[in-house]
Amino acid sequence: MRHRHRRVYRSRDAMILGVCGGLAEHFDVSVFWVRVAFVFGVFSTAFFPVALLYLIAAFLMPLKPVQPIQSEEEQEFYDSYTHSSSMALHRLKRTFDRLDRRIQRMEDKVTGAGYDWERRLKEER
C-alpha cells in the first residue's frame, strides 16, 4: 500500500467552524495555542486578512469524517461526497442498483420452475 499524506479536516468539536481545531489535530498541537495564534493574528492585522483566510480555509477544508477512513475506496467516496453530494448519491444509487440486479438474478434462479425440478431430482437420488 502506498504512503498517503494525512489530510487536513475541519474539526467536529468546533467553537466556530472547526478550522483551528482541524489545524491543531493535523499538526498535533494544542487547540488552545492555535486559537491564541489566530486571535493574535486577527488583532495584529486589523481583523480583515486573517478573518478572510479563516473563512476561506473553512470553505476549502472538508469536515472530519465521523468514522475513520480505512481504505482508498472509502477516501474516494468521502472526497466525492464532500465535493459533490449529488455525485456521491449517484454513486450509491449505482451500487445499490447493481446489488438489486444481483439479488433479482438470485431470486429468479431460486424461485424459477427449473430450480424446483433440480431440487426434487436431487432429493430422490
N, C-alpha and C. Protein backbone atom coordinates (compact mmCIF):
# COMPACT_ATOMS: atom_id res chain seq x y z
N MET A 1 0.85 -1.19 0.00
CA MET A 1 0.00 0.00 0.00
C MET A 1 0.89 1.24 0.00
N ARG A 2 0.58 2.16 -0.83
CA ARG A 2 1.42 3.35 -0.93
C ARG A 2 1.15 4.29 0.24
N HIS A 3 2.15 5.09 0.56
CA HIS A 3 2.05 6.02 1.67
C HIS A 3 1.20 7.22 1.27
N ARG A 4 0.28 7.57 2.13
CA ARG A 4 -0.61 8.68 1.85
C ARG A 4 -0.40 9.77 2.89
N HIS A 5 -0.38 11.02 2.45
CA HIS A 5 -0.24 12.14 3.37
C HIS A 5 -1.53 12.29 4.16
N ARG A 6 -1.37 12.68 5.42
CA ARG A 6 -2.56 12.94 6.24
C ARG A 6 -3.27 14.17 5.71
N ARG A 7 -4.56 14.10 5.65
CA ARG A 7 -5.35 15.21 5.16
C ARG A 7 -5.69 16.16 6.29
N VAL A 8 -5.97 17.39 5.96
CA VAL A 8 -6.38 18.39 6.95
C VAL A 8 -7.89 18.51 6.86
N TYR A 9 -8.56 18.25 7.98
CA TYR A 9 -10.01 18.34 8.06
C TYR A 9 -10.41 19.38 9.10
N ARG A 10 -11.59 19.95 8.92
CA ARG A 10 -12.15 20.80 9.98
C ARG A 10 -12.62 19.90 11.10
N SER A 11 -12.44 20.35 12.31
CA SER A 11 -12.80 19.56 13.48
C SER A 11 -14.32 19.58 13.68
N ARG A 12 -14.85 18.49 14.18
CA ARG A 12 -16.27 18.44 14.53
C ARG A 12 -16.51 19.02 15.92
N ASP A 13 -15.46 19.14 16.72
CA ASP A 13 -15.55 19.75 18.05
C ASP A 13 -15.19 21.22 17.92
N ALA A 14 -16.01 21.96 17.21
CA ALA A 14 -15.66 23.32 16.83
C ALA A 14 -16.30 24.36 17.72
N MET A 15 -15.59 25.48 17.86
CA MET A 15 -16.19 26.64 18.51
C MET A 15 -16.95 27.44 17.47
N ILE A 16 -16.33 27.63 16.29
CA ILE A 16 -17.00 28.38 15.24
C ILE A 16 -17.17 27.48 14.01
N LEU A 17 -16.13 27.30 13.23
CA LEU A 17 -16.23 26.47 12.03
C LEU A 17 -15.27 25.27 12.04
N GLY A 18 -14.44 25.14 13.05
CA GLY A 18 -13.57 23.98 13.20
C GLY A 18 -12.21 24.07 12.54
N VAL A 19 -11.85 25.24 12.02
CA VAL A 19 -10.56 25.38 11.33
C VAL A 19 -9.42 25.26 12.34
N CYS A 20 -9.48 25.99 13.43
CA CYS A 20 -8.40 25.93 14.43
C CYS A 20 -8.25 24.51 15.00
N GLY A 21 -9.38 23.88 15.30
CA GLY A 21 -9.34 22.50 15.82
C GLY A 21 -8.75 21.54 14.81
N GLY A 22 -9.12 21.70 13.54
CA GLY A 22 -8.58 20.84 12.49
C GLY A 22 -7.09 21.02 12.30
N LEU A 23 -6.63 22.26 12.32
CA LEU A 23 -5.19 22.52 12.20
C LEU A 23 -4.44 21.96 13.41
N ALA A 24 -5.02 22.11 14.59
CA ALA A 24 -4.38 21.58 15.80
C ALA A 24 -4.27 20.06 15.73
N GLU A 25 -5.33 19.38 15.28
CA GLU A 25 -5.27 17.92 15.14
C GLU A 25 -4.23 17.51 14.09
N HIS A 26 -4.20 18.22 12.99
CA HIS A 26 -3.27 17.86 11.91
C HIS A 26 -1.82 18.02 12.34
N PHE A 27 -1.50 19.12 13.01
CA PHE A 27 -0.13 19.36 13.43
C PHE A 27 0.17 18.84 14.83
N ASP A 28 -0.81 18.18 15.45
CA ASP A 28 -0.66 17.55 16.76
C ASP A 28 -0.17 18.55 17.82
N VAL A 29 -0.86 19.68 17.89
CA VAL A 29 -0.59 20.69 18.92
C VAL A 29 -1.90 20.99 19.64
N SER A 30 -1.80 21.69 20.73
CA SER A 30 -2.99 22.04 21.50
C SER A 30 -3.83 23.05 20.72
N VAL A 31 -5.13 22.81 20.71
CA VAL A 31 -6.04 23.72 20.02
C VAL A 31 -6.01 25.10 20.68
N PHE A 32 -5.71 25.14 21.97
CA PHE A 32 -5.61 26.41 22.68
C PHE A 32 -4.58 27.32 22.03
N TRP A 33 -3.39 26.78 21.70
CA TRP A 33 -2.33 27.59 21.12
C TRP A 33 -2.65 28.01 19.68
N VAL A 34 -3.34 27.18 18.96
CA VAL A 34 -3.74 27.56 17.60
C VAL A 34 -4.75 28.71 17.68
N ARG A 35 -5.67 28.63 18.62
CA ARG A 35 -6.66 29.71 18.79
C ARG A 35 -5.99 31.00 19.26
N VAL A 36 -5.00 30.87 20.15
CA VAL A 36 -4.26 32.07 20.60
C VAL A 36 -3.56 32.71 19.41
N ALA A 37 -2.93 31.90 18.57
CA ALA A 37 -2.24 32.43 17.39
C ALA A 37 -3.24 33.09 16.44
N PHE A 38 -4.42 32.50 16.29
CA PHE A 38 -5.45 33.09 15.44
C PHE A 38 -5.91 34.44 15.97
N VAL A 39 -6.20 34.50 17.27
CA VAL A 39 -6.65 35.77 17.87
C VAL A 39 -5.55 36.82 17.77
N PHE A 40 -4.32 36.42 18.02
CA PHE A 40 -3.20 37.35 17.88
C PHE A 40 -3.12 37.86 16.43
N GLY A 41 -3.26 36.96 15.47
CA GLY A 41 -3.23 37.35 14.06
C GLY A 41 -4.37 38.29 13.69
N VAL A 42 -5.54 38.04 14.24
CA VAL A 42 -6.69 38.90 13.96
C VAL A 42 -6.43 40.32 14.45
N PHE A 43 -5.93 40.44 15.68
CA PHE A 43 -5.72 41.78 16.24
C PHE A 43 -4.49 42.48 15.66
N SER A 44 -3.49 41.71 15.25
CA SER A 44 -2.29 42.35 14.71
C SER A 44 -2.43 42.76 13.24
N THR A 45 -3.45 42.24 12.56
CA THR A 45 -3.63 42.59 11.14
C THR A 45 -4.92 43.36 10.90
N ALA A 46 -5.45 43.97 11.94
CA ALA A 46 -6.68 44.75 11.82
C ALA A 46 -7.86 43.91 11.34
N PHE A 47 -7.92 42.66 11.78
CA PHE A 47 -9.06 41.76 11.62
C PHE A 47 -9.23 41.18 10.21
N PHE A 48 -9.27 42.00 9.20
CA PHE A 48 -9.70 41.55 7.88
C PHE A 48 -8.89 40.41 7.26
N PRO A 49 -7.55 40.50 7.11
CA PRO A 49 -6.84 39.43 6.38
C PRO A 49 -6.94 38.06 7.03
N VAL A 50 -6.75 37.99 8.33
CA VAL A 50 -6.78 36.68 9.00
C VAL A 50 -8.20 36.13 9.03
N ALA A 51 -9.18 36.98 9.26
CA ALA A 51 -10.56 36.52 9.26
C ALA A 51 -10.96 36.01 7.88
N LEU A 52 -10.50 36.67 6.83
CA LEU A 52 -10.79 36.22 5.47
C LEU A 52 -10.12 34.87 5.20
N LEU A 53 -8.87 34.72 5.63
CA LEU A 53 -8.17 33.43 5.47
C LEU A 53 -8.89 32.31 6.23
N TYR A 54 -9.41 32.64 7.40
CA TYR A 54 -10.15 31.66 8.20
C TYR A 54 -11.39 31.20 7.43
N LEU A 55 -12.13 32.14 6.86
CA LEU A 55 -13.34 31.79 6.11
C LEU A 55 -13.01 30.99 4.86
N ILE A 56 -11.93 31.35 4.19
CA ILE A 56 -11.51 30.58 3.00
C ILE A 56 -11.12 29.16 3.41
N ALA A 57 -10.37 29.04 4.51
CA ALA A 57 -9.98 27.72 4.99
C ALA A 57 -11.21 26.89 5.38
N ALA A 58 -12.18 27.53 6.02
CA ALA A 58 -13.41 26.82 6.40
C ALA A 58 -14.16 26.33 5.16
N PHE A 59 -14.10 27.10 4.09
CA PHE A 59 -14.77 26.71 2.86
C PHE A 59 -14.03 25.58 2.15
N LEU A 60 -12.69 25.61 2.19
CA LEU A 60 -11.89 24.63 1.44
C LEU A 60 -11.64 23.33 2.20
N MET A 61 -11.57 23.40 3.52
CA MET A 61 -11.27 22.21 4.32
C MET A 61 -12.54 21.38 4.50
N PRO A 62 -12.50 20.09 4.14
CA PRO A 62 -13.68 19.26 4.38
C PRO A 62 -13.83 18.96 5.87
N LEU A 63 -15.05 18.67 6.27
CA LEU A 63 -15.34 18.33 7.65
C LEU A 63 -14.78 16.94 7.94
N LYS A 64 -14.24 16.75 9.13
CA LYS A 64 -13.65 15.47 9.51
C LYS A 64 -14.71 14.37 9.44
N PRO A 65 -14.37 13.21 8.86
CA PRO A 65 -15.33 12.11 8.79
C PRO A 65 -15.75 11.64 10.18
N VAL A 66 -16.98 11.17 10.29
CA VAL A 66 -17.48 10.69 11.58
C VAL A 66 -16.71 9.44 12.00
N GLN A 67 -16.48 8.53 11.04
CA GLN A 67 -15.71 7.33 11.31
C GLN A 67 -14.37 7.43 10.59
N PRO A 68 -13.33 6.84 11.16
CA PRO A 68 -12.02 6.88 10.48
C PRO A 68 -12.09 6.20 9.12
N ILE A 69 -11.38 6.74 8.16
CA ILE A 69 -11.36 6.18 6.82
C ILE A 69 -10.35 5.03 6.79
N GLN A 70 -10.79 3.86 6.34
CA GLN A 70 -9.97 2.65 6.40
C GLN A 70 -9.31 2.28 5.07
N SER A 71 -9.88 2.71 3.95
CA SER A 71 -9.34 2.28 2.66
C SER A 71 -9.37 3.43 1.66
N GLU A 72 -8.69 3.20 0.54
CA GLU A 72 -8.68 4.22 -0.51
C GLU A 72 -10.07 4.40 -1.11
N GLU A 73 -10.85 3.30 -1.16
CA GLU A 73 -12.21 3.39 -1.69
C GLU A 73 -13.08 4.27 -0.79
N GLU A 74 -12.94 4.12 0.52
CA GLU A 74 -13.68 4.98 1.44
C GLU A 74 -13.23 6.43 1.30
N GLN A 75 -11.93 6.65 1.13
CA GLN A 75 -11.41 8.00 0.95
C GLN A 75 -11.98 8.62 -0.32
N GLU A 76 -12.03 7.84 -1.40
CA GLU A 76 -12.57 8.32 -2.67
C GLU A 76 -14.05 8.70 -2.52
N PHE A 77 -14.82 7.84 -1.82
CA PHE A 77 -16.23 8.15 -1.62
C PHE A 77 -16.39 9.41 -0.78
N TYR A 78 -15.61 9.52 0.29
CA TYR A 78 -15.73 10.69 1.17
C TYR A 78 -15.37 11.97 0.42
N ASP A 79 -14.30 11.91 -0.38
CA ASP A 79 -13.91 13.08 -1.17
C ASP A 79 -15.00 13.46 -2.16
N SER A 80 -15.59 12.45 -2.82
CA SER A 80 -16.64 12.77 -3.78
C SER A 80 -17.86 13.34 -3.08
N TYR A 81 -18.15 12.84 -1.88
CA TYR A 81 -19.30 13.36 -1.14
C TYR A 81 -19.08 14.80 -0.69
N THR A 82 -17.87 15.09 -0.19
CA THR A 82 -17.62 16.44 0.29
C THR A 82 -17.56 17.45 -0.85
N HIS A 83 -17.17 16.99 -2.04
CA HIS A 83 -17.11 17.91 -3.18
C HIS A 83 -18.45 18.04 -3.88
N SER A 84 -19.19 16.95 -3.92
CA SER A 84 -20.48 16.98 -4.60
C SER A 84 -21.36 15.88 -4.01
N SER A 85 -22.28 16.27 -3.16
CA SER A 85 -23.15 15.27 -2.53
C SER A 85 -24.04 14.59 -3.56
N SER A 86 -24.43 15.29 -4.62
CA SER A 86 -25.28 14.66 -5.63
C SER A 86 -24.49 13.58 -6.38
N MET A 87 -23.19 13.81 -6.61
CA MET A 87 -22.37 12.79 -7.27
C MET A 87 -22.22 11.57 -6.37
N ALA A 88 -22.03 11.79 -5.08
CA ALA A 88 -21.90 10.67 -4.15
C ALA A 88 -23.21 9.88 -4.07
N LEU A 89 -24.32 10.58 -4.06
CA LEU A 89 -25.61 9.89 -4.03
C LEU A 89 -25.83 9.09 -5.31
N HIS A 90 -25.37 9.63 -6.43
CA HIS A 90 -25.48 8.91 -7.70
C HIS A 90 -24.64 7.63 -7.65
N ARG A 91 -23.43 7.70 -7.07
CA ARG A 91 -22.59 6.51 -6.93
C ARG A 91 -23.26 5.47 -6.04
N LEU A 92 -23.86 5.93 -4.93
CA LEU A 92 -24.56 5.00 -4.05
C LEU A 92 -25.73 4.34 -4.78
N LYS A 93 -26.48 5.12 -5.54
CA LYS A 93 -27.62 4.58 -6.29
C LYS A 93 -27.14 3.53 -7.27
N ARG A 94 -26.04 3.80 -7.99
CA ARG A 94 -25.49 2.82 -8.93
C ARG A 94 -25.10 1.53 -8.21
N THR A 95 -24.46 1.67 -7.06
CA THR A 95 -24.04 0.49 -6.30
C THR A 95 -25.25 -0.33 -5.87
N PHE A 96 -26.27 0.33 -5.34
CA PHE A 96 -27.46 -0.39 -4.89
C PHE A 96 -28.25 -0.96 -6.07
N ASP A 97 -28.24 -0.30 -7.21
CA ASP A 97 -28.89 -0.85 -8.40
C ASP A 97 -28.21 -2.14 -8.83
N ARG A 98 -26.86 -2.15 -8.80
CA ARG A 98 -26.13 -3.38 -9.15
C ARG A 98 -26.45 -4.49 -8.16
N LEU A 99 -26.49 -4.17 -6.87
CA LEU A 99 -26.84 -5.18 -5.87
C LEU A 99 -28.26 -5.69 -6.08
N ASP A 100 -29.18 -4.78 -6.41
CA ASP A 100 -30.57 -5.17 -6.64
C ASP A 100 -30.66 -6.14 -7.83
N ARG A 101 -29.92 -5.85 -8.91
CA ARG A 101 -29.93 -6.75 -10.07
C ARG A 101 -29.38 -8.12 -9.71
N ARG A 102 -28.32 -8.16 -8.89
CA ARG A 102 -27.76 -9.45 -8.47
C ARG A 102 -28.76 -10.23 -7.64
N ILE A 103 -29.42 -9.55 -6.74
CA ILE A 103 -30.42 -10.22 -5.88
C ILE A 103 -31.58 -10.73 -6.74
N GLN A 104 -32.01 -9.94 -7.72
CA GLN A 104 -33.09 -10.38 -8.59
C GLN A 104 -32.69 -11.62 -9.37
N ARG A 105 -31.45 -11.67 -9.87
CA ARG A 105 -30.99 -12.87 -10.59
C ARG A 105 -30.98 -14.07 -9.66
N MET A 106 -30.55 -13.87 -8.42
CA MET A 106 -30.54 -14.98 -7.46
C MET A 106 -31.96 -15.43 -7.15
N GLU A 107 -32.88 -14.50 -6.98
CA GLU A 107 -34.28 -14.86 -6.72
C GLU A 107 -34.89 -15.59 -7.90
N ASP A 108 -34.59 -15.13 -9.12
CA ASP A 108 -35.10 -15.79 -10.31
C ASP A 108 -34.62 -17.24 -10.38
N LYS A 109 -33.37 -17.45 -10.03
CA LYS A 109 -32.80 -18.79 -10.05
C LYS A 109 -33.47 -19.68 -9.02
N VAL A 110 -33.65 -19.16 -7.81
CA VAL A 110 -34.19 -19.95 -6.71
C VAL A 110 -35.69 -20.19 -6.88
N THR A 111 -36.40 -19.21 -7.37
CA THR A 111 -37.86 -19.35 -7.47
C THR A 111 -38.31 -19.85 -8.84
N GLY A 112 -37.39 -20.04 -9.76
CA GLY A 112 -37.76 -20.50 -11.10
C GLY A 112 -38.21 -21.94 -11.09
N ALA A 113 -38.99 -22.33 -12.10
CA ALA A 113 -39.51 -23.69 -12.20
C ALA A 113 -38.38 -24.70 -12.34
N GLY A 114 -37.34 -24.37 -13.05
CA GLY A 114 -36.21 -25.27 -13.23
C GLY A 114 -35.52 -25.60 -11.93
N TYR A 115 -35.46 -24.66 -11.04
CA TYR A 115 -34.81 -24.90 -9.75
C TYR A 115 -35.58 -25.94 -8.95
N ASP A 116 -36.88 -25.86 -8.95
CA ASP A 116 -37.71 -26.79 -8.20
C ASP A 116 -37.49 -28.22 -8.70
N TRP A 117 -37.42 -28.40 -10.02
CA TRP A 117 -37.20 -29.73 -10.57
C TRP A 117 -35.82 -30.25 -10.19
N GLU A 118 -34.82 -29.37 -10.27
CA GLU A 118 -33.48 -29.79 -9.91
C GLU A 118 -33.42 -30.23 -8.45
N ARG A 119 -34.08 -29.49 -7.57
CA ARG A 119 -34.08 -29.82 -6.14
C ARG A 119 -34.77 -31.16 -5.91
N ARG A 120 -35.91 -31.38 -6.57
CA ARG A 120 -36.64 -32.64 -6.41
C ARG A 120 -35.84 -33.84 -6.91
N LEU A 121 -35.18 -33.65 -8.05
CA LEU A 121 -34.38 -34.74 -8.58
C LEU A 121 -33.22 -35.08 -7.65
N LYS A 122 -32.62 -34.09 -7.06
CA LYS A 122 -31.51 -34.33 -6.14
C LYS A 122 -31.99 -35.03 -4.87
N GLU A 123 -33.21 -34.71 -4.40
CA GLU A 123 -33.75 -35.33 -3.18
C GLU A 123 -34.07 -36.80 -3.41
N GLU A 124 -34.52 -37.16 -4.63
CA GLU A 124 -34.93 -38.54 -4.90
C GLU A 124 -33.74 -39.46 -5.08
N ARG A 125 -32.58 -38.96 -5.36
CA ARG A 125 -31.40 -39.81 -5.58
C ARG A 125 -30.87 -40.35 -4.33
